[in-house]
Amino acid sequence: MAQLLRQQQLDVFVGYHAFGLQESDDAVLELLFPDEFDFGAFLSTHPGRLDISSAGHTHTELLTVEVWDGPAPAQEAAAWEEQAEADFESVSGQVAVWSMSLGRSEDLITLSNTAGSWRVRVCSTGRAAVEALGESEESIKGVERYLVQFWPARP
Protein backbone atom coordinates (compact mmCIF):
# COMPACT_ATOMS: atom_id res chain seq x y z
CA MET A 1 0.00 0.00 0.00
CA ALA A 2 1.30 3.47 -0.90
CA GLN A 3 2.53 5.80 1.83
CA LEU A 4 1.91 9.53 2.05
CA LEU A 5 5.30 11.28 2.00
CA ARG A 6 4.30 14.96 2.20
CA GLN A 7 1.19 17.08 2.44
CA GLN A 8 0.84 20.84 2.24
CA GLN A 9 -2.06 23.27 2.14
CA LEU A 10 -1.94 26.47 0.16
CA ASP A 11 -4.26 29.38 -0.43
CA VAL A 12 -4.29 29.94 -4.19
CA PHE A 13 -5.64 33.08 -5.81
CA VAL A 14 -7.77 32.26 -8.84
CA GLY A 15 -8.16 34.87 -11.54
CA TYR A 16 -10.15 34.51 -14.76
CA HIS A 17 -11.35 31.02 -13.73
CA ALA A 18 -7.82 29.59 -13.83
CA PHE A 19 -4.63 28.64 -12.06
CA GLY A 20 -1.69 26.43 -12.92
CA LEU A 21 1.00 24.20 -11.50
CA GLN A 22 4.24 24.48 -13.45
CA GLU A 23 7.76 23.08 -13.29
CA SER A 24 9.67 25.51 -11.08
CA ASP A 25 12.63 25.66 -13.48
CA ASP A 26 10.60 27.34 -16.21
CA ALA A 27 13.74 27.98 -18.31
CA VAL A 28 13.41 24.39 -19.58
CA LEU A 29 9.81 24.87 -20.73
CA GLU A 30 8.80 25.85 -24.24
CA LEU A 31 5.33 27.07 -23.25
CA LEU A 32 4.83 29.09 -20.05
CA PHE A 33 1.65 29.57 -18.05
CA PRO A 34 -0.89 30.79 -19.17
CA ASP A 35 -0.03 30.47 -22.88
CA GLU A 36 -2.53 28.25 -24.73
CA PHE A 37 -4.64 27.68 -21.60
CA ASP A 38 -7.71 25.53 -22.45
CA PHE A 39 -10.65 27.17 -20.66
CA GLY A 40 -12.96 24.37 -21.79
CA ALA A 41 -11.20 21.65 -19.78
CA PHE A 42 -11.12 21.05 -16.03
CA LEU A 43 -7.53 19.77 -16.34
CA SER A 44 -5.29 20.21 -19.35
CA THR A 45 -1.56 19.70 -19.74
CA HIS A 46 1.47 21.03 -21.52
CA PRO A 47 5.01 19.71 -20.95
CA GLY A 48 5.91 20.54 -17.35
CA ARG A 49 2.58 22.23 -16.71
CA LEU A 50 -0.90 21.46 -15.35
CA ASP A 51 -3.66 23.95 -16.19
CA ILE A 52 -6.74 23.85 -13.96
CA SER A 53 -10.06 25.59 -14.65
CA SER A 54 -12.02 26.90 -11.69
CA ALA A 55 -15.77 27.44 -11.50
CA GLY A 56 -15.20 30.87 -9.93
CA HIS A 57 -13.84 33.94 -11.68
CA THR A 58 -11.92 35.65 -8.87
CA HIS A 59 -11.46 34.07 -5.45
CA THR A 60 -9.03 32.31 -3.14
CA GLU A 61 -9.27 28.54 -3.08
CA LEU A 62 -7.85 25.99 -0.69
CA LEU A 63 -5.35 23.64 -2.38
CA THR A 64 -4.15 20.49 -0.62
CA VAL A 65 -1.18 18.78 -2.27
CA GLU A 66 -0.11 15.25 -1.41
CA VAL A 67 3.01 13.42 -2.57
CA TRP A 68 2.84 9.61 -2.38
CA ASP A 69 5.48 6.92 -2.85
CA GLY A 70 3.11 4.86 -5.03
CA PRO A 71 -0.36 5.20 -6.57
CA ALA A 72 -2.46 7.41 -4.31
CA PRO A 73 -5.67 5.87 -2.97
CA ALA A 74 -8.63 6.35 -5.30
CA GLN A 75 -11.01 9.14 -4.36
CA GLU A 76 -14.74 8.50 -4.05
CA ALA A 77 -16.49 10.13 -6.99
CA ALA A 78 -19.38 11.33 -4.79
CA ALA A 79 -16.99 13.43 -2.66
CA TRP A 80 -15.81 15.52 -5.61
CA GLU A 81 -17.53 17.53 -8.34
CA GLU A 82 -14.61 17.03 -10.77
CA GLN A 83 -11.71 14.58 -11.01
CA ALA A 84 -9.06 14.07 -13.66
CA GLU A 85 -5.63 12.43 -14.00
CA ALA A 86 -2.59 13.27 -16.11
CA ASP A 87 1.15 12.71 -16.45
CA PHE A 88 3.64 15.33 -15.27
CA GLU A 89 7.41 15.68 -15.82
CA SER A 90 9.63 17.66 -13.48
CA VAL A 91 13.33 18.38 -14.02
CA SER A 92 13.81 20.06 -10.64
CA GLY A 93 11.44 18.12 -8.38
CA GLN A 94 9.77 21.46 -7.54
CA VAL A 95 6.43 22.81 -8.78
CA ALA A 96 5.43 26.49 -8.77
CA VAL A 97 1.87 27.72 -8.34
CA TRP A 98 0.64 30.26 -10.90
CA SER A 99 -2.35 32.59 -10.96
CA MET A 100 -3.77 33.93 -14.21
CA SER A 101 -3.85 37.46 -12.78
CA LEU A 102 -0.98 37.52 -10.24
CA GLY A 103 1.60 35.34 -11.98
CA ARG A 104 3.93 33.03 -10.07
CA SER A 105 3.37 32.79 -6.32
CA GLU A 106 6.12 32.29 -3.76
CA ASP A 107 4.69 28.88 -2.87
CA LEU A 108 6.61 25.82 -4.04
CA ILE A 109 5.52 22.20 -3.99
CA THR A 110 8.33 19.71 -3.43
CA LEU A 111 7.88 16.42 -5.25
CA SER A 112 11.42 15.11 -4.77
CA ASN A 113 15.07 16.17 -4.78
CA THR A 114 15.59 15.07 -8.39
CA ALA A 115 13.94 15.00 -11.80
CA GLY A 116 11.15 12.54 -12.32
CA SER A 117 8.00 11.41 -14.06
CA TRP A 118 4.80 11.66 -12.07
CA ARG A 119 1.18 10.70 -12.26
CA VAL A 120 -1.19 13.31 -10.83
CA ARG A 121 -4.84 13.29 -9.82
CA VAL A 122 -6.73 16.58 -9.43
CA CYS A 123 -10.05 16.64 -7.53
CA SER A 124 -12.30 19.62 -6.88
CA THR A 125 -15.38 20.39 -4.79
CA GLY A 126 -17.28 23.58 -3.98
CA ARG A 127 -17.51 24.42 -7.66
CA ALA A 128 -21.27 24.98 -7.76
CA ALA A 129 -21.09 27.09 -4.60
CA VAL A 130 -18.25 29.33 -5.84
CA GLU A 131 -19.98 29.74 -9.19
CA ALA A 132 -23.18 30.85 -7.42
CA LEU A 133 -21.16 33.46 -5.50
CA GLY A 134 -19.72 34.85 -8.72
CA GLU A 135 -21.73 38.06 -8.57
CA SER A 136 -20.92 38.66 -4.92
CA GLU A 137 -18.96 41.75 -3.92
CA GLU A 138 -17.65 39.88 -0.86
CA SER A 139 -14.19 38.34 -0.70
CA ILE A 140 -14.57 34.64 -1.47
CA LYS A 141 -12.11 32.34 0.29
CA GLY A 142 -12.02 28.56 0.71
CA VAL A 143 -15.36 27.81 -0.96
CA GLU A 144 -13.79 25.87 -3.80
CA ARG A 145 -11.31 23.22 -2.64
CA TYR A 146 -8.80 21.13 -4.53
CA LEU A 147 -6.86 17.98 -3.77
CA VAL A 148 -3.83 17.32 -5.98
CA GLN A 149 -2.10 13.96 -5.51
CA PHE A 150 1.30 13.19 -7.09
CA TRP A 151 2.96 9.78 -7.21
CA PRO A 152 5.89 8.39 -9.23
CA ALA A 153 4.91 7.16 -12.67
CA ARG A 154 5.88 3.57 -13.38
CA PRO A 155 7.54 2.77 -16.74
C-alpha atoms as a PDB file:
ATOM      1  CA  MET A   1       0.000   0.000   0.000  1.00  0.00           C
ATOM      2  CA  ALA A   2       1.295   3.469  -0.903  1.00  0.00           C
ATOM      3  CA  GLN A   3       2.527   5.798   1.828  1.00  0.00           C
ATOM      4  CA  LEU A   4       1.909   9.525   2.052  1.00  0.00           C
ATOM      5  CA  LEU A   5       5.302  11.282   1.999  1.00  0.00           C
ATOM      6  CA  ARG A   6       4.305  14.956   2.195  1.00  0.00           C
ATOM      7  CA  GLN A   7       1.193  17.082   2.437  1.00  0.00           C
ATOM      8  CA  GLN A   8       0.841  20.839   2.244  1.00  0.00           C
ATOM      9  CA  GLN A   9      -2.061  23.271   2.137  1.00  0.00           C
ATOM     10  CA  LEU A  10      -1.939  26.474   0.159  1.00  0.00           C
ATOM     11  CA  ASP A  11      -4.264  29.382  -0.429  1.00  0.00           C
ATOM     12  CA  VAL A  12      -4.286  29.944  -4.188  1.00  0.00           C
ATOM     13  CA  PHE A  13      -5.641  33.078  -5.812  1.00  0.00           C
ATOM     14  CA  VAL A  14      -7.768  32.264  -8.844  1.00  0.00           C
ATOM     15  CA  GLY A  15      -8.156  34.874 -11.544  1.00  0.00           C
ATOM     16  CA  TYR A  16     -10.151  34.507 -14.761  1.00  0.00           C
ATOM     17  CA  HIS A  17     -11.347  31.024 -13.729  1.00  0.00           C
ATOM     18  CA  ALA A  18      -7.823  29.590 -13.831  1.00  0.00           C
ATOM     19  CA  PHE A  19      -4.626  28.637 -12.057  1.00  0.00           C
ATOM     20  CA  GLY A  20      -1.687  26.430 -12.916  1.00  0.00           C
ATOM     21  CA  LEU A  21       1.004  24.197 -11.499  1.00  0.00           C
ATOM     22  CA  GLN A  22       4.239  24.485 -13.453  1.00  0.00           C
ATOM     23  CA  GLU A  23       7.759  23.078 -13.291  1.00  0.00           C
ATOM     24  CA  SER A  24       9.672  25.510 -11.078  1.00  0.00           C
ATOM     25  CA  ASP A  25      12.633  25.657 -13.481  1.00  0.00           C
ATOM     26  CA  ASP A  26      10.602  27.341 -16.207  1.00  0.00           C
ATOM     27  CA  ALA A  27      13.743  27.978 -18.315  1.00  0.00           C
ATOM     28  CA  VAL A  28      13.413  24.388 -19.577  1.00  0.00           C
ATOM     29  CA  LEU A  29       9.806  24.866 -20.734  1.00  0.00           C
ATOM     30  CA  GLU A  30       8.796  25.846 -24.236  1.00  0.00           C
ATOM     31  CA  LEU A  31       5.331  27.072 -23.247  1.00  0.00           C
ATOM     32  CA  LEU A  32       4.834  29.092 -20.054  1.00  0.00           C
ATOM     33  CA  PHE A  33       1.646  29.568 -18.045  1.00  0.00           C
ATOM     34  CA  PRO A  34      -0.895  30.791 -19.165  1.00  0.00           C
ATOM     35  CA  ASP A  35      -0.026  30.472 -22.884  1.00  0.00           C
ATOM     36  CA  GLU A  36      -2.526  28.245 -24.728  1.00  0.00           C
ATOM     37  CA  PHE A  37      -4.644  27.678 -21.600  1.00  0.00           C
ATOM     38  CA  ASP A  38      -7.714  25.531 -22.453  1.00  0.00           C
ATOM     39  CA  PHE A  39     -10.650  27.168 -20.664  1.00  0.00           C
ATOM     40  CA  GLY A  40     -12.962  24.366 -21.792  1.00  0.00           C
ATOM     41  CA  ALA A  41     -11.197  21.650 -19.783  1.00  0.00           C
ATOM     42  CA  PHE A  42     -11.122  21.047 -16.034  1.00  0.00           C
ATOM     43  CA  LEU A  43      -7.526  19.771 -16.336  1.00  0.00           C
ATOM     44  CA  SER A  44      -5.290  20.214 -19.349  1.00  0.00           C
ATOM     45  CA  THR A  45      -1.562  19.700 -19.744  1.00  0.00           C
ATOM     46  CA  HIS A  46       1.472  21.026 -21.520  1.00  0.00           C
ATOM     47  CA  PRO A  47       5.007  19.710 -20.954  1.00  0.00           C
ATOM     48  CA  GLY A  48       5.908  20.535 -17.352  1.00  0.00           C
ATOM     49  CA  ARG A  49       2.577  22.231 -16.705  1.00  0.00           C
ATOM     50  CA  LEU A  50      -0.896  21.456 -15.350  1.00  0.00           C
ATOM     51  CA  ASP A  51      -3.662  23.947 -16.195  1.00  0.00           C
ATOM     52  CA  ILE A  52      -6.743  23.849 -13.959  1.00  0.00           C
ATOM     53  CA  SER A  53     -10.057  25.588 -14.651  1.00  0.00           C
ATOM     54  CA  SER A  54     -12.020  26.899 -11.691  1.00  0.00           C
ATOM     55  CA  ALA A  55     -15.768  27.435 -11.499  1.00  0.00           C
ATOM     56  CA  GLY A  56     -15.197  30.866  -9.933  1.00  0.00           C
ATOM     57  CA  HIS A  57     -13.836  33.936 -11.679  1.00  0.00           C
ATOM     58  CA  THR A  58     -11.923  35.653  -8.868  1.00  0.00           C
ATOM     59  CA  HIS A  59     -11.461  34.068  -5.451  1.00  0.00           C
ATOM     60  CA  THR A  60      -9.035  32.306  -3.136  1.00  0.00           C
ATOM     61  CA  GLU A  61      -9.273  28.539  -3.083  1.00  0.00           C
ATOM     62  CA  LEU A  62      -7.848  25.987  -0.694  1.00  0.00           C
ATOM     63  CA  LEU A  63      -5.347  23.642  -2.377  1.00  0.00           C
ATOM     64  CA  THR A  64      -4.150  20.492  -0.619  1.00  0.00           C
ATOM     65  CA  VAL A  65      -1.184  18.784  -2.268  1.00  0.00           C
ATOM     66  CA  GLU A  66      -0.111  15.251  -1.411  1.00  0.00           C
ATOM     67  CA  VAL A  67       3.012  13.424  -2.565  1.00  0.00           C
ATOM     68  CA  TRP A  68       2.838   9.615  -2.380  1.00  0.00           C
ATOM     69  CA  ASP A  69       5.485   6.920  -2.851  1.00  0.00           C
ATOM     70  CA  GLY A  70       3.109   4.864  -5.030  1.00  0.00           C
ATOM     71  CA  PRO A  71      -0.356   5.199  -6.571  1.00  0.00           C
ATOM     72  CA  ALA A  72      -2.464   7.407  -4.312  1.00  0.00           C
ATOM     73  CA  PRO A  73      -5.673   5.870  -2.973  1.00  0.00           C
ATOM     74  CA  ALA A  74      -8.631   6.346  -5.303  1.00  0.00           C
ATOM     75  CA  GLN A  75     -11.009   9.138  -4.363  1.00  0.00           C
ATOM     76  CA  GLU A  76     -14.742   8.505  -4.049  1.00  0.00           C
ATOM     77  CA  ALA A  77     -16.490  10.126  -6.988  1.00  0.00           C
ATOM     78  CA  ALA A  78     -19.378  11.327  -4.792  1.00  0.00           C
ATOM     79  CA  ALA A  79     -16.993  13.428  -2.661  1.00  0.00           C
ATOM     80  CA  TRP A  80     -15.814  15.519  -5.612  1.00  0.00           C
ATOM     81  CA  GLU A  81     -17.529  17.535  -8.345  1.00  0.00           C
ATOM     82  CA  GLU A  82     -14.610  17.028 -10.767  1.00  0.00           C
ATOM     83  CA  GLN A  83     -11.710  14.585 -11.008  1.00  0.00           C
ATOM     84  CA  ALA A  84      -9.057  14.067 -13.656  1.00  0.00           C
ATOM     85  CA  GLU A  85      -5.625  12.432 -14.002  1.00  0.00           C
ATOM     86  CA  ALA A  86      -2.591  13.275 -16.106  1.00  0.00           C
ATOM     87  CA  ASP A  87       1.151  12.706 -16.451  1.00  0.00           C
ATOM     88  CA  PHE A  88       3.641  15.332 -15.271  1.00  0.00           C
ATOM     89  CA  GLU A  89       7.410  15.677 -15.819  1.00  0.00           C
ATOM     90  CA  SER A  90       9.627  17.662 -13.480  1.00  0.00           C
ATOM     91  CA  VAL A  91      13.326  18.379 -14.015  1.00  0.00           C
ATOM     92  CA  SER A  92      13.814  20.061 -10.641  1.00  0.00           C
ATOM     93  CA  GLY A  93      11.444  18.124  -8.382  1.00  0.00           C
ATOM     94  CA  GLN A  94       9.766  21.457  -7.539  1.00  0.00           C
ATOM     95  CA  VAL A  95       6.430  22.812  -8.780  1.00  0.00           C
ATOM     96  CA  ALA A  96       5.433  26.485  -8.771  1.00  0.00           C
ATOM     97  CA  VAL A  97       1.865  27.719  -8.342  1.00  0.00           C
ATOM     98  CA  TRP A  98       0.643  30.256 -10.900  1.00  0.00           C
ATOM     99  CA  SER A  99      -2.347  32.592 -10.964  1.00  0.00           C
ATOM    100  CA  MET A 100      -3.771  33.931 -14.213  1.00  0.00           C
ATOM    101  CA  SER A 101      -3.851  37.464 -12.780  1.00  0.00           C
ATOM    102  CA  LEU A 102      -0.983  37.519 -10.240  1.00  0.00           C
ATOM    103  CA  GLY A 103       1.604  35.340 -11.976  1.00  0.00           C
ATOM    104  CA  ARG A 104       3.933  33.034 -10.069  1.00  0.00           C
ATOM    105  CA  SER A 105       3.371  32.788  -6.321  1.00  0.00           C
ATOM    106  CA  GLU A 106       6.119  32.295  -3.765  1.00  0.00           C
ATOM    107  CA  ASP A 107       4.691  28.876  -2.866  1.00  0.00           C
ATOM    108  CA  LEU A 108       6.614  25.818  -4.042  1.00  0.00           C
ATOM    109  CA  ILE A 109       5.516  22.204  -3.989  1.00  0.00           C
ATOM    110  CA  THR A 110       8.333  19.714  -3.426  1.00  0.00           C
ATOM    111  CA  LEU A 111       7.875  16.417  -5.249  1.00  0.00           C
ATOM    112  CA  SER A 112      11.425  15.113  -4.770  1.00  0.00           C
ATOM    113  CA  ASN A 113      15.073  16.170  -4.783  1.00  0.00           C
ATOM    114  CA  THR A 114      15.590  15.075  -8.390  1.00  0.00           C
ATOM    115  CA  ALA A 115      13.945  14.999 -11.797  1.00  0.00           C
ATOM    116  CA  GLY A 116      11.148  12.544 -12.317  1.00  0.00           C
ATOM    117  CA  SER A 117       8.001  11.407 -14.059  1.00  0.00           C
ATOM    118  CA  TRP A 118       4.795  11.657 -12.069  1.00  0.00           C
ATOM    119  CA  ARG A 119       1.180  10.705 -12.262  1.00  0.00           C
ATOM    120  CA  VAL A 120      -1.193  13.306 -10.830  1.00  0.00           C
ATOM    121  CA  ARG A 121      -4.844  13.291  -9.817  1.00  0.00           C
ATOM    122  CA  VAL A 122      -6.731  16.576  -9.429  1.00  0.00           C
ATOM    123  CA  CYS A 123     -10.053  16.638  -7.531  1.00  0.00           C
ATOM    124  CA  SER A 124     -12.300  19.622  -6.880  1.00  0.00           C
ATOM    125  CA  THR A 125     -15.378  20.386  -4.792  1.00  0.00           C
ATOM    126  CA  GLY A 126     -17.282  23.581  -3.979  1.00  0.00           C
ATOM    127  CA  ARG A 127     -17.509  24.417  -7.655  1.00  0.00           C
ATOM    128  CA  ALA A 128     -21.267  24.984  -7.756  1.00  0.00           C
ATOM    129  CA  ALA A 129     -21.086  27.090  -4.596  1.00  0.00           C
ATOM    130  CA  VAL A 130     -18.255  29.325  -5.844  1.00  0.00           C
ATOM    131  CA  GLU A 131     -19.976  29.742  -9.187  1.00  0.00           C
ATOM    132  CA  ALA A 132     -23.180  30.853  -7.417  1.00  0.00           C
ATOM    133  CA  LEU A 133     -21.164  33.458  -5.498  1.00  0.00           C
ATOM    134  CA  GLY A 134     -19.720  34.849  -8.723  1.00  0.00           C
ATOM    135  CA  GLU A 135     -21.733  38.061  -8.572  1.00  0.00           C
ATOM    136  CA  SER A 136     -20.918  38.660  -4.919  1.00  0.00           C
ATOM    137  CA  GLU A 137     -18.962  41.751  -3.920  1.00  0.00           C
ATOM    138  CA  GLU A 138     -17.649  39.880  -0.864  1.00  0.00           C
ATOM    139  CA  SER A 139     -14.194  38.342  -0.697  1.00  0.00           C
ATOM    140  CA  ILE A 140     -14.571  34.638  -1.473  1.00  0.00           C
ATOM    141  CA  LYS A 141     -12.115  32.337   0.285  1.00  0.00           C
ATOM    142  CA  GLY A 142     -12.018  28.560   0.712  1.00  0.00           C
ATOM    143  CA  VAL A 143     -15.364  27.812  -0.956  1.00  0.00           C
ATOM    144  CA  GLU A 144     -13.792  25.869  -3.800  1.00  0.00           C
ATOM    145  CA  ARG A 145     -11.308  23.224  -2.638  1.00  0.00           C
ATOM    146  CA  TYR A 146      -8.799  21.126  -4.535  1.00  0.00           C
ATOM    147  CA  LEU A 147      -6.858  17.978  -3.770  1.00  0.00           C
ATOM    148  CA  VAL A 148      -3.830  17.315  -5.983  1.00  0.00           C
ATOM    149  CA  GLN A 149      -2.096  13.963  -5.514  1.00  0.00           C
ATOM    150  CA  PHE A 150       1.299  13.185  -7.087  1.00  0.00           C
ATOM    151  CA  TRP A 151       2.962   9.777  -7.215  1.00  0.00           C
ATOM    152  CA  PRO A 152       5.892   8.392  -9.229  1.00  0.00           C
ATOM    153  CA  ALA A 153       4.912   7.158 -12.670  1.00  0.00           C
ATOM    154  CA  ARG A 154       5.885   3.571 -13.375  1.00  0.00           C
ATOM    155  CA  PRO A 155       7.537   2.772 -16.738  1.00  0.00           C
END
